[in-house]
């Protein structure tokens, strides 16, 4: 049940400073659970059980956070952590917030983010295209609008 591979994680490592031989399964699982749980409000994540079923951008975020954790383990000399690890975490956080806000799309997720069908209130654009009826006078074109003098 692996979400990332060594090459995916190694892509975020500076080649002369850190070479990963394998993926620590417990660390990876912890990071994956934390990352995916933040996206449950926007996407149905119940099918994201491994790297193949998880959108590639989410896998990249998991890889970034995994490498950030390794950099802190290996190179951190204080509680402040590694500067590079902090930059990776900030980039991952920006991507997560973009996914939640809808500015970053998971193009390979197979589902739309949130409700994209339009307004759920009434009247809406569809009801405005209908002619008014004696039973429902709220359908039809707008009788007035904001910002216009009548």
Protein backbone atom coordinates (compact mmCIF):
# COMPACT_ATOMS: atom_id res chain seq x y z
CA UNK A 1 0.00 0.00 0.00
CA UNK A 2 2.69 2.42 -1.07
CA UNK A 3 1.84 5.89 -2.30
CA UNK A 4 5.26 6.96 -3.54
CA UNK A 5 8.31 5.29 -5.03
CA UNK A 6 11.98 6.00 -4.42
CA UNK A 7 12.37 7.87 -7.76
CA UNK A 8 9.31 10.06 -6.98
CA UNK A 9 10.78 11.01 -3.62
CA UNK A 10 14.34 11.29 -4.96
CA UNK A 11 13.11 13.88 -7.47
CA UNK A 12 12.74 16.31 -4.53
CA UNK A 13 16.17 15.54 -3.05
CA UNK A 14 19.26 17.53 -3.85
CA UNK A 15 21.39 14.81 -5.48
CA UNK A 16 24.66 15.55 -3.67
CA UNK A 17 23.06 15.81 -0.22
CA UNK A 18 20.55 12.97 0.09
CA UNK A 19 20.15 9.70 -1.77
CA UNK A 20 17.22 7.55 -0.74
CA UNK A 21 17.71 3.79 -0.86
CA UNK A 22 14.14 2.87 0.12
CA UNK A 23 10.89 4.32 1.43
CA UNK A 24 10.17 4.11 5.17
CA UNK A 25 6.66 2.62 5.09
CA UNK A 26 5.52 3.97 8.47
CA UNK A 27 6.65 7.53 7.73
CA UNK A 28 5.12 7.42 4.26
CA UNK A 29 1.80 6.07 5.56
CA UNK A 30 1.65 8.75 8.25
CA UNK A 31 2.30 11.54 5.75
CA UNK A 32 -0.17 10.07 3.23
CA UNK A 33 -2.96 9.80 5.82
CA UNK A 34 -2.40 13.39 6.98
CA UNK A 35 -2.29 14.74 3.42
CA UNK A 36 -5.29 12.82 2.10
CA UNK A 37 -7.40 13.60 5.15
CA UNK A 38 -7.05 17.31 4.41
CA UNK A 39 -8.59 16.77 0.98
CA UNK A 40 -11.68 14.81 2.08
CA UNK A 41 -13.77 17.98 2.23
CA UNK A 42 -13.17 18.58 -1.48
CA UNK A 43 -12.81 15.09 -3.00
CA UNK A 44 -14.04 11.58 -2.30
CA UNK A 45 -10.73 10.11 -1.13
CA UNK A 46 -12.08 6.71 -0.11
CA UNK A 47 -10.59 5.07 -3.22
CA UNK A 48 -7.12 6.60 -2.78
CA UNK A 49 -5.49 3.54 -1.24
CA UNK A 50 -2.14 3.47 -3.06
CA UNK A 51 -0.04 5.37 -5.57
CA UNK A 52 -1.95 4.03 -8.56
CA UNK A 53 -5.37 5.09 -7.27
CA UNK A 54 -4.26 8.47 -5.91
CA UNK A 55 -4.04 11.51 -8.21
CA UNK A 56 -0.49 12.28 -9.31
CA UNK A 57 -0.45 15.77 -7.75
CA UNK A 58 -1.37 14.29 -4.36
CA UNK A 59 1.42 11.71 -4.77
CA UNK A 60 3.85 14.54 -5.51
CA UNK A 61 2.73 16.38 -2.38
CA UNK A 62 3.23 13.21 -0.32
CA UNK A 63 6.72 12.82 -1.83
CA UNK A 64 7.58 16.47 -0.98
CA UNK A 65 6.46 16.05 2.62
CA UNK A 66 8.28 12.72 2.88
CA UNK A 67 11.55 14.27 1.70
CA UNK A 68 11.03 17.25 4.01
CA UNK A 69 10.76 14.84 6.94
CA UNK A 70 13.97 13.08 5.85
CA UNK A 71 15.84 16.37 5.49
CA UNK A 72 14.81 17.29 9.02
CA UNK A 73 15.96 13.90 10.31
CA UNK A 74 19.31 13.98 8.54
CA UNK A 75 20.36 17.63 8.36
CA UNK A 76 18.53 19.48 11.10
CA UNK A 77 20.76 20.74 13.89
CA UNK A 78 18.03 22.52 15.81
CA UNK A 79 14.31 22.41 16.51
CA UNK A 80 13.82 24.92 13.71
CA UNK A 81 14.51 22.20 11.13
CA UNK A 82 16.12 22.32 7.74
CA UNK A 83 15.57 25.39 5.56
CA UNK A 84 15.07 23.24 2.47
CA UNK A 85 12.55 21.06 4.34
CA UNK A 86 10.64 24.19 5.34
CA UNK A 87 10.53 25.30 1.68
CA UNK A 88 9.24 21.89 0.58
CA UNK A 89 6.56 21.97 3.28
CA UNK A 90 5.50 25.49 2.25
CA UNK A 91 5.22 24.43 -1.41
CA UNK A 92 3.21 21.33 -0.43
CA UNK A 93 0.95 23.46 1.79
CA UNK A 94 0.33 25.91 -1.08
CA UNK A 95 -0.61 23.02 -3.35
CA UNK A 96 -2.96 21.50 -0.76
CA UNK A 97 -4.67 24.85 -0.15
CA UNK A 98 -4.97 25.32 -3.92
CA UNK A 99 -6.64 21.92 -4.28
CA UNK A 100 -9.07 22.72 -1.47
CA UNK A 101 -9.84 26.17 -2.92
CA UNK A 102 -10.28 24.74 -6.42
CA UNK A 103 -7.43 26.70 -8.02
CA UNK A 104 -5.33 23.53 -8.41
CA UNK A 105 -7.23 20.80 -10.20
CA UNK A 106 -6.66 17.09 -9.79
CA UNK A 107 -6.97 16.33 -13.48
CA UNK A 108 -6.50 12.58 -13.06
CA UNK A 109 -8.83 12.09 -10.10
CA UNK A 110 -11.84 11.05 -12.17
CA UNK A 111 -14.13 13.36 -10.20
CA UNK A 112 -14.95 17.03 -9.95
CA UNK A 113 -14.07 19.10 -6.94
CA UNK A 114 -17.06 20.01 -4.84
CA UNK A 115 -20.25 21.17 -6.51
CA UNK A 116 -19.59 22.56 -9.98
CA UNK A 117 -23.14 22.37 -11.33
CA UNK A 118 -23.90 26.00 -10.58
CA UNK A 119 -26.01 27.76 -8.02
CA UNK A 120 -28.28 25.61 -5.93
CA UNK A 121 -30.64 28.43 -5.03
CA UNK A 122 -33.81 29.36 -6.85
CA UNK A 123 -34.30 31.16 -9.16
CA UNK A 124 -31.21 30.29 -11.15
CA UNK A 125 -30.11 30.71 -14.76
CA UNK A 126 -32.15 27.69 -15.88
CA UNK A 127 -35.35 29.02 -14.34
CA UNK A 128 -34.73 32.44 -15.88
CA UNK A 129 -34.78 30.87 -19.33
CA UNK A 130 -38.29 29.50 -18.78
CA UNK A 131 -41.36 31.63 -19.50
CA UNK A 132 -43.33 32.78 -16.45
CA UNK A 133 -46.44 30.76 -15.66
CA UNK A 134 -49.52 31.64 -13.56
CA UNK A 135 -48.35 29.09 -10.98
CA UNK A 136 -44.76 30.37 -10.84
CA UNK A 137 -44.22 34.01 -11.68
CA UNK A 138 -40.58 33.85 -10.52
CA UNK A 139 -39.49 32.14 -13.75
CA UNK A 140 -38.63 34.23 -16.78
CA UNK A 141 -36.17 37.05 -17.30
CA UNK A 142 -35.16 39.30 -14.45
CA UNK A 143 -37.56 42.19 -13.81
CA UNK A 144 -34.74 44.34 -12.43
CA UNK A 145 -31.03 44.01 -11.68
CA UNK A 146 -28.42 45.58 -9.49
CA UNK A 147 -26.49 48.54 -10.78
CA UNK A 148 -29.06 49.71 -13.30
CA UNK A 149 -31.14 52.84 -13.06
CA UNK A 150 -34.76 52.33 -14.01
